[in-house]
Amino acid sequence: MVKLTILKLQRSSIGLSKGIRDVIQSLGLGKRHSIAYCEANPVSAGKIFKVKELVSVNEVENKMSKYEERKARAPPSGFTVVNRRFPTA
């Protein structure tokens, strides 16, 4: 099974050199917080090493669908009571 690497662009590429911006674009990343999947191989590892301060990297077995990605980022629905001022019986 091929291992996949999830890349998430943490910082903007504004003000960086054209070479760094080209590497970010070749990895499939565009805007901040965009997510891209790439295979774990020496070529992509070299690109990731070049922009390691700008991206966060995780390894996964399967690619998540857009719906699953959105659901993972969403906050929990409803609300939670942290501390009650007056205890109830």
PDB file of N, CA and C in Angstrom:
ATOM      1  N   MET A   1       0.844  -1.189   0.000  1.00  0.00           N
ATOM      2  CA  MET A   1       0.000   0.000   0.000  1.00  0.00           C
ATOM      3  C   MET A   1       0.881   1.241   0.000  1.00  0.00           C
ATOM      4  N   VAL A   2       0.532   2.191  -0.823  1.00  0.00           N
ATOM      5  CA  VAL A   2       1.302   3.423  -0.926  1.00  0.00           C
ATOM      6  C   VAL A   2       0.902   4.356   0.207  1.00  0.00           C
ATOM      7  N   LYS A   3       1.898   4.860   0.911  1.00  0.00           N
ATOM      8  CA  LYS A   3       1.610   5.815   1.973  1.00  0.00           C
ATOM      9  C   LYS A   3       1.403   7.193   1.352  1.00  0.00           C
ATOM     10  N   LEU A   4       0.431   7.908   1.875  1.00  0.00           N
ATOM     11  CA  LEU A   4       0.154   9.257   1.419  1.00  0.00           C
ATOM     12  C   LEU A   4       0.553  10.246   2.494  1.00  0.00           C
ATOM     13  N   THR A   5       0.954  11.397   2.078  1.00  0.00           N
ATOM     14  CA  THR A   5       1.317  12.458   2.996  1.00  0.00           C
ATOM     15  C   THR A   5       0.317  13.584   2.836  1.00  0.00           C
ATOM     16  N   ILE A   6      -0.243  14.042   3.954  1.00  0.00           N
ATOM     17  CA  ILE A   6      -1.146  15.191   3.925  1.00  0.00           C
ATOM     18  C   ILE A   6      -0.313  16.426   4.203  1.00  0.00           C
ATOM     19  N   LEU A   7      -0.445  17.407   3.343  1.00  0.00           N
ATOM     20  CA  LEU A   7       0.240  18.677   3.529  1.00  0.00           C
ATOM     21  C   LEU A   7      -0.801  19.757   3.779  1.00  0.00           C
ATOM     22  N   LYS A   8      -0.549  20.612   4.740  1.00  0.00           N
ATOM     23  CA  LYS A   8      -1.430  21.743   4.996  1.00  0.00           C
ATOM     24  C   LYS A   8      -0.566  22.985   5.065  1.00  0.00           C
ATOM     25  N   LEU A   9      -0.846  23.960   4.226  1.00  0.00           N
ATOM     26  CA  LEU A   9      -0.070  25.190   4.176  1.00  0.00           C
ATOM     27  C   LEU A   9      -0.443  26.060   5.370  1.00  0.00           C
ATOM     28  N   GLN A  10       0.496  26.277   6.281  1.00  0.00           N
ATOM     29  CA  GLN A  10       0.246  27.033   7.501  1.00  0.00           C
ATOM     30  C   GLN A  10       0.495  28.525   7.327  1.00  0.00           C
ATOM     31  N   ARG A  11       1.477  28.887   6.525  1.00  0.00           N
ATOM     32  CA  ARG A  11       1.823  30.299   6.351  1.00  0.00           C
ATOM     33  C   ARG A  11       1.670  30.689   4.896  1.00  0.00           C
ATOM     34  N   SER A  12       1.428  31.964   4.664  1.00  0.00           N
ATOM     35  CA  SER A  12       1.256  32.473   3.322  1.00  0.00           C
ATOM     36  C   SER A  12       2.604  32.548   2.609  1.00  0.00           C
ATOM     37  N   SER A  13       2.569  32.485   1.292  1.00  0.00           N
ATOM     38  CA  SER A  13       3.799  32.576   0.511  1.00  0.00           C
ATOM     39  C   SER A  13       4.051  33.992   0.006  1.00  0.00           C
ATOM     40  N   ILE A  14       3.286  34.958   0.498  1.00  0.00           N
ATOM     41  CA  ILE A  14       3.480  36.350   0.098  1.00  0.00           C
ATOM     42  C   ILE A  14       4.826  36.822   0.613  1.00  0.00           C
ATOM     43  N   GLY A  15       5.602  37.419  -0.258  1.00  0.00           N
ATOM     44  CA  GLY A  15       6.903  37.956   0.125  1.00  0.00           C
ATOM     45  C   GLY A  15       8.033  36.959   0.037  1.00  0.00           C
ATOM     46  N   LEU A  16       7.745  35.721  -0.306  1.00  0.00           N
ATOM     47  CA  LEU A  16       8.800  34.716  -0.443  1.00  0.00           C
ATOM     48  C   LEU A  16       9.322  34.707  -1.871  1.00  0.00           C
ATOM     49  N   SER A  17      10.458  34.074  -2.065  1.00  0.00           N
ATOM     50  CA  SER A  17      11.070  34.048  -3.395  1.00  0.00           C
ATOM     51  C   SER A  17      10.231  33.212  -4.358  1.00  0.00           C
ATOM     52  N   LYS A  18      10.460  33.459  -5.640  1.00  0.00           N
ATOM     53  CA  LYS A  18       9.699  32.750  -6.666  1.00  0.00           C
ATOM     54  C   LYS A  18       9.970  31.255  -6.608  1.00  0.00           C
ATOM     55  N   GLY A  19      11.174  30.846  -6.270  1.00  0.00           N
ATOM     56  CA  GLY A  19      11.500  29.426  -6.175  1.00  0.00           C
ATOM     57  C   GLY A  19      10.675  28.718  -5.114  1.00  0.00           C
ATOM     58  N   ILE A  20      10.532  29.341  -3.951  1.00  0.00           N
ATOM     59  CA  ILE A  20       9.727  28.759  -2.876  1.00  0.00           C
ATOM     60  C   ILE A  20       8.258  28.708  -3.279  1.00  0.00           C
ATOM     61  N   ARG A  21       7.763  29.769  -3.905  1.00  0.00           N
ATOM     62  CA  ARG A  21       6.360  29.772  -4.350  1.00  0.00           C
ATOM     63  C   ARG A  21       6.110  28.692  -5.395  1.00  0.00           C
ATOM     64  N   ASP A  22       7.091  28.458  -6.276  1.00  0.00           N
ATOM     65  CA  ASP A  22       6.945  27.397  -7.275  1.00  0.00           C
ATOM     66  C   ASP A  22       6.901  26.018  -6.628  1.00  0.00           C
ATOM     67  N   VAL A  23       7.715  25.809  -5.578  1.00  0.00           N
ATOM     68  CA  VAL A  23       7.702  24.527  -4.867  1.00  0.00           C
ATOM     69  C   VAL A  23       6.351  24.310  -4.204  1.00  0.00           C
ATOM     70  N   ILE A  24       5.814  25.356  -3.571  1.00  0.00           N
ATOM     71  CA  ILE A  24       4.505  25.247  -2.921  1.00  0.00           C
ATOM     72  C   ILE A  24       3.428  24.903  -3.944  1.00  0.00           C
ATOM     73  N   GLN A  25       3.481  25.555  -5.088  1.00  0.00           N
ATOM     74  CA  GLN A  25       2.496  25.289  -6.136  1.00  0.00           C
ATOM     75  C   GLN A  25       2.666  23.882  -6.700  1.00  0.00           C
ATOM     76  N   SER A  26       3.900  23.403  -6.841  1.00  0.00           N
ATOM     77  CA  SER A  26       4.120  22.057  -7.384  1.00  0.00           C
ATOM     78  C   SER A  26       3.647  20.974  -6.419  1.00  0.00           C
ATOM     79  N   LEU A  27       3.592  21.286  -5.118  1.00  0.00           N
ATOM     80  CA  LEU A  27       3.049  20.339  -4.141  1.00  0.00           C
ATOM     81  C   LEU A  27       1.526  20.309  -4.164  1.00  0.00           C
ATOM     82  N   GLY A  28       0.912  21.249  -4.870  1.00  0.00           N
ATOM     83  CA  GLY A  28      -0.549  21.269  -4.970  1.00  0.00           C
ATOM     84  C   GLY A  28      -1.213  22.177  -3.964  1.00  0.00           C
ATOM     85  N   LEU A  29      -0.428  23.055  -3.342  1.00  0.00           N
ATOM     86  CA  LEU A  29      -0.976  23.971  -2.340  1.00  0.00           C
ATOM     87  C   LEU A  29      -1.140  25.351  -2.956  1.00  0.00           C
ATOM     88  N   GLY A  30      -2.164  26.064  -2.510  1.00  0.00           N
ATOM     89  CA  GLY A  30      -2.418  27.398  -3.035  1.00  0.00           C
ATOM     90  C   GLY A  30      -2.544  28.406  -1.913  1.00  0.00           C
ATOM     91  N   LYS A  31      -3.761  28.503  -1.387  1.00  0.00           N
ATOM     92  CA  LYS A  31      -4.026  29.445  -0.308  1.00  0.00           C
ATOM     93  C   LYS A  31      -3.587  28.886   1.034  1.00  0.00           C
ATOM     94  N   ARG A  32      -3.609  29.744   2.049  1.00  0.00           N
ATOM     95  CA  ARG A  32      -3.343  29.276   3.409  1.00  0.00           C
ATOM     96  C   ARG A  32      -4.394  28.258   3.809  1.00  0.00           C
ATOM     97  N   HIS A  33      -4.006  27.277   4.599  1.00  0.00           N
ATOM     98  CA  HIS A  33      -4.854  26.208   5.112  1.00  0.00           C
ATOM     99  C   HIS A  33      -5.396  25.302   4.019  1.00  0.00           C
ATOM    100  N   SER A  34      -4.819  25.357   2.816  1.00  0.00           N
ATOM    101  CA  SER A  34      -5.224  24.408   1.788  1.00  0.00           C
ATOM    102  C   SER A  34      -4.553  23.069   2.074  1.00  0.00           C
ATOM    103  N   ILE A  35      -5.199  21.999   1.655  1.00  0.00           N
ATOM    104  CA  ILE A  35      -4.725  20.649   1.934  1.00  0.00           C
ATOM    105  C   ILE A  35      -4.444  19.945   0.614  1.00  0.00           C
ATOM    106  N   ALA A  36      -3.324  19.208   0.569  1.00  0.00           N
ATOM    107  CA  ALA A  36      -2.973  18.430  -0.610  1.00  0.00           C
ATOM    108  C   ALA A  36      -2.445  17.077  -0.170  1.00  0.00           C
ATOM    109  N   TYR A  37      -2.657  16.074  -1.001  1.00  0.00           N
ATOM    110  CA  TYR A  37      -2.141  14.733  -0.757  1.00  0.00           C
ATOM    111  C   TYR A  37      -1.039  14.463  -1.772  1.00  0.00           C
ATOM    112  N   CYS A  38       0.047  13.857  -1.335  1.00  0.00           N
ATOM    113  CA  CYS A  38       1.078  13.419  -2.266  1.00  0.00           C
ATOM    114  C   CYS A  38       1.671  12.117  -1.756  1.00  0.00           C
ATOM    115  N   GLU A  39       2.246  11.347  -2.665  1.00  0.00           N
ATOM    116  CA  GLU A  39       2.847  10.068  -2.295  1.00  0.00           C
ATOM    117  C   GLU A  39       4.140  10.318  -1.530  1.00  0.00           C
ATOM    118  N   ALA A  40       4.433   9.427  -0.599  1.00  0.00           N
ATOM    119  CA  ALA A  40       5.668   9.533   0.164  1.00  0.00           C
ATOM    120  C   ALA A  40       6.798   8.934  -0.666  1.00  0.00           C
ATOM    121  N   ASN A  41       7.555   9.786  -1.335  1.00  0.00           N
ATOM    122  CA  ASN A  41       8.706   9.343  -2.113  1.00  0.00           C
ATOM    123  C   ASN A  41       9.821  10.390  -1.980  1.00  0.00           C
ATOM    124  N   PRO A  42      11.031  10.079  -2.420  1.00  0.00           N
ATOM    125  CA  PRO A  42      12.154  11.020  -2.234  1.00  0.00           C
ATOM    126  C   PRO A  42      11.961  12.375  -2.910  1.00  0.00           C
ATOM    127  N   VAL A  43      11.279  12.404  -4.040  1.00  0.00           N
ATOM    128  CA  VAL A  43      11.071  13.682  -4.733  1.00  0.00           C
ATOM    129  C   VAL A  43      10.199  14.614  -3.902  1.00  0.00           C
ATOM    130  N   SER A  44       9.048  14.095  -3.453  1.00  0.00           N
ATOM    131  CA  SER A  44       8.167  14.937  -2.643  1.00  0.00           C
ATOM    132  C   SER A  44       8.796  15.244  -1.292  1.00  0.00           C
ATOM    133  N   ALA A  45       9.603  14.332  -0.742  1.00  0.00           N
ATOM    134  CA  ALA A  45      10.277  14.595   0.529  1.00  0.00           C
ATOM    135  C   ALA A  45      11.254  15.765   0.392  1.00  0.00           C
ATOM    136  N   GLY A  46      11.940  15.856  -0.725  1.00  0.00           N
ATOM    137  CA  GLY A  46      12.846  16.978  -0.957  1.00  0.00           C
ATOM    138  C   GLY A  46      12.108  18.291  -1.061  1.00  0.00           C
ATOM    139  N   LYS A  47      10.948  18.275  -1.727  1.00  0.00           N
ATOM    140  CA  LYS A  47      10.142  19.496  -1.831  1.00  0.00           C
ATOM    141  C   LYS A  47       9.620  19.914  -0.463  1.00  0.00           C
ATOM    142  N   ILE A  48       9.155  18.933   0.313  1.00  0.00           N
ATOM    143  CA  ILE A  48       8.639  19.230   1.649  1.00  0.00           C
ATOM    144  C   ILE A  48       9.745  19.786   2.529  1.00  0.00           C
ATOM    145  N   PHE A  49      10.951  19.227   2.414  1.00  0.00           N
ATOM    146  CA  PHE A  49      12.080  19.706   3.213  1.00  0.00           C
ATOM    147  C   PHE A  49      12.404  21.157   2.884  1.00  0.00           C
ATOM    148  N   LYS A  50      12.207  21.547   1.631  1.00  0.00           N
ATOM    149  CA  LYS A  50      12.504  22.920   1.216  1.00  0.00           C
ATOM    150  C   LYS A  50      11.531  23.922   1.833  1.00  0.00           C
ATOM    151  N   VAL A  51      10.289  23.502   2.093  1.00  0.00           N
ATOM    152  CA  VAL A  51       9.276  24.416   2.639  1.00  0.00           C
ATOM    153  C   VAL A  51       8.782  23.941   4.004  1.00  0.00           C
ATOM    154  N   LYS A  52       9.631  23.283   4.766  1.00  0.00           N
ATOM    155  CA  LYS A  52       9.211  22.653   6.026  1.00  0.00           C
ATOM    156  C   LYS A  52       8.700  23.646   7.046  1.00  0.00           C
ATOM    157  N   GLU A  53       9.109  24.907   6.991  1.00  0.00           N
ATOM    158  CA  GLU A  53       8.624  25.905   7.944  1.00  0.00           C
ATOM    159  C   GLU A  53       7.225  26.398   7.598  1.00  0.00           C
ATOM    160  N   LEU A  54       6.776  26.141   6.394  1.00  0.00           N
ATOM    161  CA  LEU A  54       5.500  26.680   5.919  1.00  0.00           C
ATOM    162  C   LEU A  54       4.360  25.675   5.960  1.00  0.00           C
ATOM    163  N   VAL A  55       4.666  24.390   6.054  1.00  0.00           N
ATOM    164  CA  VAL A  55       3.628  23.361   5.968  1.00  0.00           C
ATOM    165  C   VAL A  55       3.628  22.479   7.201  1.00  0.00           C
ATOM    166  N   SER A  56       2.486  21.838   7.462  1.00  0.00           N
ATOM    167  CA  SER A  56       2.420  20.770   8.460  1.00  0.00           C
ATOM    168  C   SER A  56       2.194  19.469   7.696  1.00  0.00           C
ATOM    169  N   VAL A  57       2.824  18.397   8.166  1.00  0.00           N
ATOM    170  CA  VAL A  57       2.837  17.134   7.435  1.00  0.00           C
ATOM    171  C   VAL A  57       2.320  16.011   8.330  1.00  0.00           C
ATOM    172  N   ASN A  58       1.429  15.186   7.799  1.00  0.00           N
ATOM    173  CA  ASN A  58       0.933  13.974   8.454  1.00  0.00           C
ATOM    174  C   ASN A  58       0.934  12.854   7.434  1.00  0.00           C
ATOM    175  N   GLU A  59       1.161  11.621   7.894  1.00  0.00           N
ATOM    176  CA  GLU A  59       1.095  10.467   7.001  1.00  0.00           C
ATOM    177  C   GLU A  59      -0.182   9.684   7.263  1.00  0.00           C
ATOM    178  N   VAL A  60      -0.835   9.268   6.186  1.00  0.00           N
ATOM    179  CA  VAL A  60      -2.082   8.503   6.281  1.00  0.00           C
ATOM    180  C   VAL A  60      -2.049   7.350   5.291  1.00  0.00           C
ATOM    181  N   GLU A  61      -2.955   6.414   5.464  1.00  0.00           N
ATOM    182  CA  GLU A  61      -3.059   5.268   4.558  1.00  0.00           C
ATOM    183  C   GLU A  61      -4.014   5.575   3.393  1.00  0.00           C
ATOM    184  N   ASN A  62      -5.151   6.214   3.697  1.00  0.00           N
ATOM    185  CA  ASN A  62      -6.182   6.467   2.685  1.00  0.00           C
ATOM    186  C   ASN A  62      -6.406   7.963   2.526  1.00  0.00           C
ATOM    187  N   LYS A  63      -6.835   8.343   1.345  1.00  0.00           N
ATOM    188  CA  LYS A  63      -7.179   9.729   1.087  1.00  0.00           C
ATOM    189  C   LYS A  63      -8.599   9.993   1.570  1.00  0.00           C
ATOM    190  N   MET A  64      -8.792  11.101   2.306  1.00  0.00           N
ATOM    191  CA  MET A  64     -10.126  11.453   2.798  1.00  0.00           C
ATOM    192  C   MET A  64     -10.881  12.212   1.714  1.00  0.00           C
ATOM    193  N   SER A  65     -12.197  12.054   1.702  1.00  0.00           N
ATOM    194  CA  SER A  65     -13.012  12.809   0.763  1.00  0.00           C
ATOM    195  C   SER A  65     -13.155  14.246   1.262  1.00  0.00           C
ATOM    196  N   LYS A  66     -13.637  15.122   0.411  1.00  0.00           N
ATOM    197  CA  LYS A  66     -13.836  16.526   0.796  1.00  0.00           C
ATOM    198  C   LYS A  66     -14.805  16.631   1.968  1.00  0.00           C
ATOM    199  N   TYR A  67     -15.845  15.792   1.967  1.00  0.00           N
ATOM    200  CA  TYR A  67     -16.820  15.803   3.056  1.00  0.00           C
ATOM    201  C   TYR A  67     -16.160  15.403   4.369  1.00  0.00           C
ATOM    202  N   GLU A  68     -15.323  14.363   4.342  1.00  0.00           N
ATOM    203  CA  GLU A  68     -14.647  13.914   5.558  1.00  0.00           C
ATOM    204  C   GLU A  68     -13.657  14.967   6.076  1.00  0.00           C
ATOM    205  N   GLU A  69     -12.960  15.642   5.160  1.00  0.00           N
ATOM    206  CA  GLU A  69     -12.047  16.711   5.567  1.00  0.00           C
ATOM    207  C   GLU A  69     -12.807  17.840   6.247  1.00  0.00           C
ATOM    208  N   ARG A  70     -13.928  18.239   5.669  1.00  0.00           N
ATOM    209  CA  ARG A  70     -14.729  19.332   6.219  1.00  0.00           C
ATOM    210  C   ARG A  70     -15.295  18.955   7.581  1.00  0.00           C
ATOM    211  N   LYS A  71     -15.731  17.701   7.720  1.00  0.00           N
ATOM    212  CA  LYS A  71     -16.283  17.236   8.985  1.00  0.00           C
ATOM    213  C   LYS A  71     -15.207  17.177  10.069  1.00  0.00           C
ATOM    214  N   ALA A  72     -13.980  16.825   9.712  1.00  0.00           N
ATOM    215  CA  ALA A  72     -12.889  16.763  10.679  1.00  0.00           C
ATOM    216  C   ALA A  72     -12.499  18.150  11.186  1.00  0.00           C
ATOM    217  N   ARG A  73     -12.635  19.175  10.334  1.00  0.00           N
ATOM    218  CA  ARG A  73     -12.282  20.538  10.728  1.00  0.00           C
ATOM    219  C   ARG A  73     -13.394  21.253  11.477  1.00  0.00           C
ATOM    220  N   ALA A  74     -14.626  20.774  11.367  1.00  0.00           N
ATOM    221  CA  ALA A  74     -15.780  21.468  11.949  1.00  0.00           C
ATOM    222  C   ALA A  74     -15.774  21.344  13.471  1.00  0.00           C
ATOM    223  N   PRO A  75     -16.193  22.396  14.164  1.00  0.00           N
ATOM    224  CA  PRO A  75     -16.298  22.298  15.623  1.00  0.00           C
ATOM    225  C   PRO A  75     -17.490  21.439  16.005  1.00  0.00           C
ATOM    226  N   PRO A  76     -17.528  20.946  17.228  1.00  0.00           N
ATOM    227  CA  PRO A  76     -18.672  20.129  17.640  1.00  0.00           C
ATOM    228  C   PRO A  76     -19.952  20.967  17.652  1.00  0.00           C
ATOM    229  N   SER A  77     -21.062  20.333  17.298  1.00  0.00           N
ATOM    230  CA  SER A  77     -22.328  21.060  17.259  1.00  0.00           C
ATOM    231  C   SER A  77     -22.884  21.215  18.671  1.00  0.00           C
ATOM    232  N   GLY A  78     -23.722  22.198  18.856  1.00  0.00           N
ATOM    233  CA  GLY A  78     -24.333  22.433  20.159  1.00  0.00           C
ATOM    234  C   GLY A  78     -23.409  23.173  21.095  1.00  0.00           C
ATOM    235  N   PHE A  79     -23.625  22.999  22.373  1.00  0.00           N
ATOM    236  CA  PHE A  79     -22.797  23.671  23.365  1.00  0.00           C
ATOM    237  C   PHE A  79     -22.565  22.733  24.527  1.00  0.00           C
ATOM    238  N   THR A  80     -21.569  23.049  25.335  1.00  0.00           N
ATOM    239  CA  THR A  80     -21.282  22.259  26.523  1.00  0.00           C
ATOM    240  C   THR A  80     -21.246  23.197  27.720  1.00  0.00           C
ATOM    241  N   VAL A  81     -21.750  22.736  28.854  1.00  0.00           N
ATOM    242  CA  VAL A  81     -21.742  23.522  30.076  1.00  0.00           C
ATOM    243  C   VAL A  81     -20.421  23.237  30.782  1.00  0.00           C
ATOM    244  N   VAL A  82     -19.629  24.277  30.974  1.00  0.00           N
ATOM    245  CA  VAL A  82     -18.326  24.112  31.590  1.00  0.00           C
ATOM    246  C   VAL A  82     -18.430  24.160  33.103  1.00  0.00           C
ATOM    247  N   ASN A  83     -19.164  25.131  33.628  1.00  0.00           N
ATOM    248  CA  ASN A  83     -19.274  25.281  35.069  1.00  0.00           C
ATOM    249  C   ASN A  83     -20.640  25.886  35.389  1.00  0.00           C
ATOM    250  N   ARG A  84     -21.358  25.272  36.302  1.00  0.00           N
ATOM    251  CA  ARG A  84     -22.656  25.802  36.701  1.00  0.00           C
ATOM    252  C   ARG A  84     -22.485  26.712  37.901  1.00  0.00           C
ATOM    253  N   ARG A  85     -23.158  27.834  37.866  1.00  0.00           N
ATOM    254  CA  ARG A  85     -23.060  28.762  38.986  1.00  0.00           C
ATOM    255  C   ARG A  85     -23.906  28.274  40.157  1.00  0.00           C
ATOM    256  N   PHE A  86     -25.088  27.784  39.844  1.00  0.00           N
ATOM    257  CA  PHE A  86     -25.977  27.258  40.878  1.00  0.00           C
ATOM    258  C   PHE A  86     -26.232  25.791  40.564  1.00  0.00           C
ATOM    259  N   PRO A  87     -25.792  24.887  41.421  1.00  0.00           N
ATOM    260  CA  PRO A  87     -26.008  23.452  41.137  1.00  0.00           C
ATOM    261  C   PRO A  87     -27.483  23.109  41.128  1.00  0.00           C
ATOM    262  N   THR A  88     -27.833  22.204  40.251  1.00  0.00           N
ATOM    263  CA  THR A  88     -29.220  21.745  40.181  1.00  0.00           C
ATOM    264  C   THR A  88     -29.357  20.422  40.929  1.00  0.00           C
ATOM    265  N   ALA A  89     -30.594  20.131  41.364  1.00  0.00           N
ATOM    266  CA  ALA A  89     -30.831  18.913  42.160  1.00  0.00           C
ATOM    267  C   ALA A  89     -30.862  17.695  41.296  1.00  0.00           C
TER     268      ALA A  89
END
